[in-house]
Amino acid sequence: MYWILAVAKVRYFDSKISEMRSIYKMSFNDFKHRIEEQKGVEVFEEWDDFIIWDSYESARSYWAKVETRLKGNEE
């Protein structure tokens, strides 16, 4: 039953990740590469979005692991 909460969290972060993909028209890894390769003037808004997007990816990964662990305990 508790795994349902984890599923909701995964879906929430999936939607946030989807928003970022829509804004930048690329995957997180491509965006990360773009940020890391910037030379000269930094675009602070993009750095802010990078930090936010990275946190979404990390949180999604965490909750997916929690979901898997909780599903295994309920069987």
N, C-alpha and C. Protein backbone atom coordinates (compact mmCIF):
# COMPACT_ATOMS: atom_id res chain seq x y z
N MET A 1 0.81 -1.19 0.00
CA MET A 1 0.00 0.00 0.00
C MET A 1 0.87 1.27 0.00
N TYR A 2 1.94 1.30 0.80
CA TYR A 2 2.79 2.50 0.85
C TYR A 2 3.50 2.76 -0.47
N TRP A 3 3.67 1.69 -1.27
CA TRP A 3 4.35 1.88 -2.55
C TRP A 3 3.56 2.81 -3.47
N ILE A 4 2.24 2.92 -3.23
CA ILE A 4 1.41 3.81 -4.05
C ILE A 4 1.87 5.26 -3.87
N LEU A 5 2.28 5.62 -2.66
CA LEU A 5 2.81 6.97 -2.43
C LEU A 5 4.09 7.19 -3.21
N ALA A 6 4.92 6.17 -3.27
CA ALA A 6 6.16 6.27 -4.03
C ALA A 6 5.86 6.41 -5.53
N VAL A 7 4.85 5.68 -6.00
CA VAL A 7 4.44 5.78 -7.40
C VAL A 7 4.01 7.22 -7.71
N ALA A 8 3.25 7.81 -6.79
CA ALA A 8 2.80 9.20 -6.98
C ALA A 8 3.99 10.15 -7.06
N LYS A 9 4.98 9.92 -6.23
CA LYS A 9 6.19 10.77 -6.26
C LYS A 9 6.92 10.62 -7.59
N VAL A 10 7.06 9.38 -8.06
CA VAL A 10 7.73 9.13 -9.35
C VAL A 10 6.98 9.86 -10.46
N ARG A 11 5.67 9.75 -10.47
CA ARG A 11 4.87 10.43 -11.50
C ARG A 11 5.02 11.95 -11.42
N TYR A 12 5.05 12.47 -10.20
CA TYR A 12 5.23 13.91 -10.02
C TYR A 12 6.56 14.36 -10.64
N PHE A 13 7.64 13.65 -10.31
CA PHE A 13 8.94 14.06 -10.85
C PHE A 13 9.04 13.78 -12.34
N ASP A 14 8.35 12.75 -12.83
CA ASP A 14 8.29 12.54 -14.28
C ASP A 14 7.67 13.74 -14.97
N SER A 15 6.61 14.30 -14.37
CA SER A 15 5.96 15.46 -14.99
C SER A 15 6.87 16.69 -14.96
N LYS A 16 7.60 16.87 -13.86
CA LYS A 16 8.53 18.00 -13.78
C LYS A 16 9.67 17.85 -14.79
N ILE A 17 10.17 16.64 -14.94
CA ILE A 17 11.23 16.36 -15.92
C ILE A 17 10.71 16.60 -17.33
N SER A 18 9.49 16.19 -17.58
CA SER A 18 8.88 16.41 -18.88
C SER A 18 8.76 17.90 -19.20
N GLU A 19 8.42 18.69 -18.20
CA GLU A 19 8.36 20.15 -18.39
C GLU A 19 9.72 20.70 -18.81
N MET A 20 10.77 20.24 -18.16
CA MET A 20 12.11 20.73 -18.49
C MET A 20 12.52 20.29 -19.90
N ARG A 21 12.19 19.04 -20.25
CA ARG A 21 12.49 18.57 -21.62
C ARG A 21 11.77 19.42 -22.64
N SER A 22 10.54 19.79 -22.33
CA SER A 22 9.75 20.60 -23.24
C SER A 22 10.34 22.00 -23.40
N ILE A 23 10.79 22.58 -22.31
CA ILE A 23 11.38 23.92 -22.36
C ILE A 23 12.65 23.93 -23.20
N TYR A 24 13.54 22.96 -22.96
CA TYR A 24 14.86 22.96 -23.60
C TYR A 24 14.95 22.05 -24.82
N LYS A 25 13.91 21.29 -25.09
CA LYS A 25 13.86 20.43 -26.28
C LYS A 25 15.05 19.47 -26.35
N MET A 26 15.42 18.92 -25.17
CA MET A 26 16.52 17.96 -25.11
C MET A 26 16.43 17.17 -23.81
N SER A 27 17.21 16.11 -23.75
CA SER A 27 17.26 15.29 -22.54
C SER A 27 18.12 15.98 -21.48
N PHE A 28 18.04 15.48 -20.26
CA PHE A 28 18.86 16.04 -19.19
C PHE A 28 20.34 15.89 -19.50
N ASN A 29 20.74 14.73 -19.99
CA ASN A 29 22.17 14.52 -20.29
C ASN A 29 22.67 15.48 -21.35
N ASP A 30 21.84 15.73 -22.37
CA ASP A 30 22.24 16.70 -23.40
C ASP A 30 22.33 18.10 -22.81
N PHE A 31 21.37 18.45 -21.95
CA PHE A 31 21.38 19.77 -21.32
C PHE A 31 22.60 19.92 -20.41
N LYS A 32 22.90 18.87 -19.66
CA LYS A 32 24.08 18.88 -18.77
C LYS A 32 25.35 19.12 -19.59
N HIS A 33 25.46 18.41 -20.71
CA HIS A 33 26.63 18.57 -21.58
C HIS A 33 26.71 20.01 -22.10
N ARG A 34 25.57 20.56 -22.48
CA ARG A 34 25.53 21.94 -22.97
C ARG A 34 26.01 22.92 -21.90
N ILE A 35 25.55 22.73 -20.68
CA ILE A 35 25.94 23.61 -19.57
C ILE A 35 27.44 23.47 -19.29
N GLU A 36 27.92 22.23 -19.26
CA GLU A 36 29.33 21.99 -18.94
C GLU A 36 30.26 22.52 -20.03
N GLU A 37 29.77 22.59 -21.25
CA GLU A 37 30.61 23.03 -22.37
C GLU A 37 30.56 24.54 -22.60
N GLN A 38 29.74 25.26 -21.84
CA GLN A 38 29.63 26.71 -22.05
C GLN A 38 30.97 27.38 -21.77
N LYS A 39 31.33 28.28 -22.64
CA LYS A 39 32.55 29.06 -22.49
C LYS A 39 32.17 30.53 -22.52
N GLY A 40 32.89 31.32 -21.77
CA GLY A 40 32.61 32.75 -21.77
C GLY A 40 31.47 33.11 -20.84
N VAL A 41 30.48 33.77 -21.37
CA VAL A 41 29.35 34.26 -20.58
C VAL A 41 28.45 33.11 -20.17
N GLU A 42 28.18 33.03 -18.87
CA GLU A 42 27.27 32.01 -18.37
C GLU A 42 25.86 32.57 -18.37
N VAL A 43 24.92 31.70 -18.68
CA VAL A 43 23.51 32.07 -18.63
C VAL A 43 22.98 31.56 -17.30
N PHE A 44 22.82 32.49 -16.36
CA PHE A 44 22.48 32.09 -14.99
C PHE A 44 21.12 31.40 -14.90
N GLU A 45 20.18 31.81 -15.73
CA GLU A 45 18.87 31.15 -15.74
C GLU A 45 19.01 29.68 -16.11
N GLU A 46 19.88 29.39 -17.07
CA GLU A 46 20.10 27.99 -17.46
C GLU A 46 20.80 27.22 -16.34
N TRP A 47 21.73 27.86 -15.64
CA TRP A 47 22.39 27.19 -14.51
C TRP A 47 21.36 26.89 -13.41
N ASP A 48 20.48 27.84 -13.16
CA ASP A 48 19.41 27.61 -12.18
C ASP A 48 18.55 26.42 -12.60
N ASP A 49 18.16 26.40 -13.87
CA ASP A 49 17.35 25.29 -14.37
C ASP A 49 18.11 23.97 -14.32
N PHE A 50 19.41 24.03 -14.57
CA PHE A 50 20.22 22.81 -14.48
C PHE A 50 20.18 22.24 -13.07
N ILE A 51 20.34 23.09 -12.09
CA ILE A 51 20.31 22.64 -10.68
C ILE A 51 18.94 22.06 -10.34
N ILE A 52 17.89 22.73 -10.77
CA ILE A 52 16.54 22.25 -10.51
C ILE A 52 16.30 20.91 -11.21
N TRP A 53 16.66 20.84 -12.49
CA TRP A 53 16.44 19.62 -13.27
C TRP A 53 17.23 18.46 -12.68
N ASP A 54 18.46 18.72 -12.27
CA ASP A 54 19.28 17.69 -11.64
C ASP A 54 18.59 17.18 -10.37
N SER A 55 18.00 18.06 -9.60
CA SER A 55 17.30 17.63 -8.38
C SER A 55 16.07 16.79 -8.73
N TYR A 56 15.37 17.14 -9.81
CA TYR A 56 14.23 16.32 -10.24
C TYR A 56 14.69 14.91 -10.62
N GLU A 57 15.78 14.84 -11.37
CA GLU A 57 16.31 13.53 -11.79
C GLU A 57 16.72 12.70 -10.58
N SER A 58 17.39 13.32 -9.62
CA SER A 58 17.84 12.61 -8.42
C SER A 58 16.65 12.14 -7.59
N ALA A 59 15.67 13.01 -7.42
CA ALA A 59 14.50 12.65 -6.63
C ALA A 59 13.70 11.54 -7.30
N ARG A 60 13.58 11.60 -8.62
CA ARG A 60 12.86 10.55 -9.34
C ARG A 60 13.55 9.21 -9.16
N SER A 61 14.86 9.21 -9.27
CA SER A 61 15.64 7.99 -9.10
C SER A 61 15.45 7.43 -7.69
N TYR A 62 15.51 8.29 -6.69
CA TYR A 62 15.32 7.87 -5.30
C TYR A 62 13.95 7.22 -5.10
N TRP A 63 12.89 7.89 -5.56
CA TRP A 63 11.54 7.37 -5.35
C TRP A 63 11.27 6.12 -6.16
N ALA A 64 11.90 5.98 -7.32
CA ALA A 64 11.76 4.74 -8.10
C ALA A 64 12.37 3.57 -7.33
N LYS A 65 13.49 3.80 -6.66
CA LYS A 65 14.11 2.75 -5.84
C LYS A 65 13.23 2.42 -4.64
N VAL A 66 12.66 3.44 -4.02
CA VAL A 66 11.75 3.22 -2.89
C VAL A 66 10.55 2.40 -3.35
N GLU A 67 9.99 2.76 -4.49
CA GLU A 67 8.85 2.02 -5.04
C GLU A 67 9.19 0.55 -5.24
N THR A 68 10.32 0.28 -5.85
CA THR A 68 10.75 -1.10 -6.08
C THR A 68 10.91 -1.85 -4.77
N ARG A 69 11.55 -1.21 -3.81
CA ARG A 69 11.77 -1.85 -2.51
C ARG A 69 10.45 -2.14 -1.79
N LEU A 70 9.53 -1.18 -1.82
CA LEU A 70 8.26 -1.37 -1.14
C LEU A 70 7.38 -2.40 -1.83
N LYS A 71 7.40 -2.44 -3.15
CA LYS A 71 6.64 -3.45 -3.88
C LYS A 71 7.13 -4.84 -3.52
N GLY A 72 8.45 -4.98 -3.40
CA GLY A 72 9.05 -6.27 -3.05
C GLY A 72 8.64 -6.72 -1.67
N ASN A 73 8.45 -5.79 -0.75
CA ASN A 73 8.07 -6.13 0.62
C ASN A 73 6.61 -6.52 0.75
N GLU A 74 5.78 -6.12 -0.22
CA GLU A 74 4.36 -6.41 -0.12
C GLU A 74 3.97 -7.74 -0.76
N GLU A 75 4.88 -8.32 -1.50
CA GLU A 75 4.56 -9.59 -2.20
C GLU A 75 4.59 -10.76 -1.24
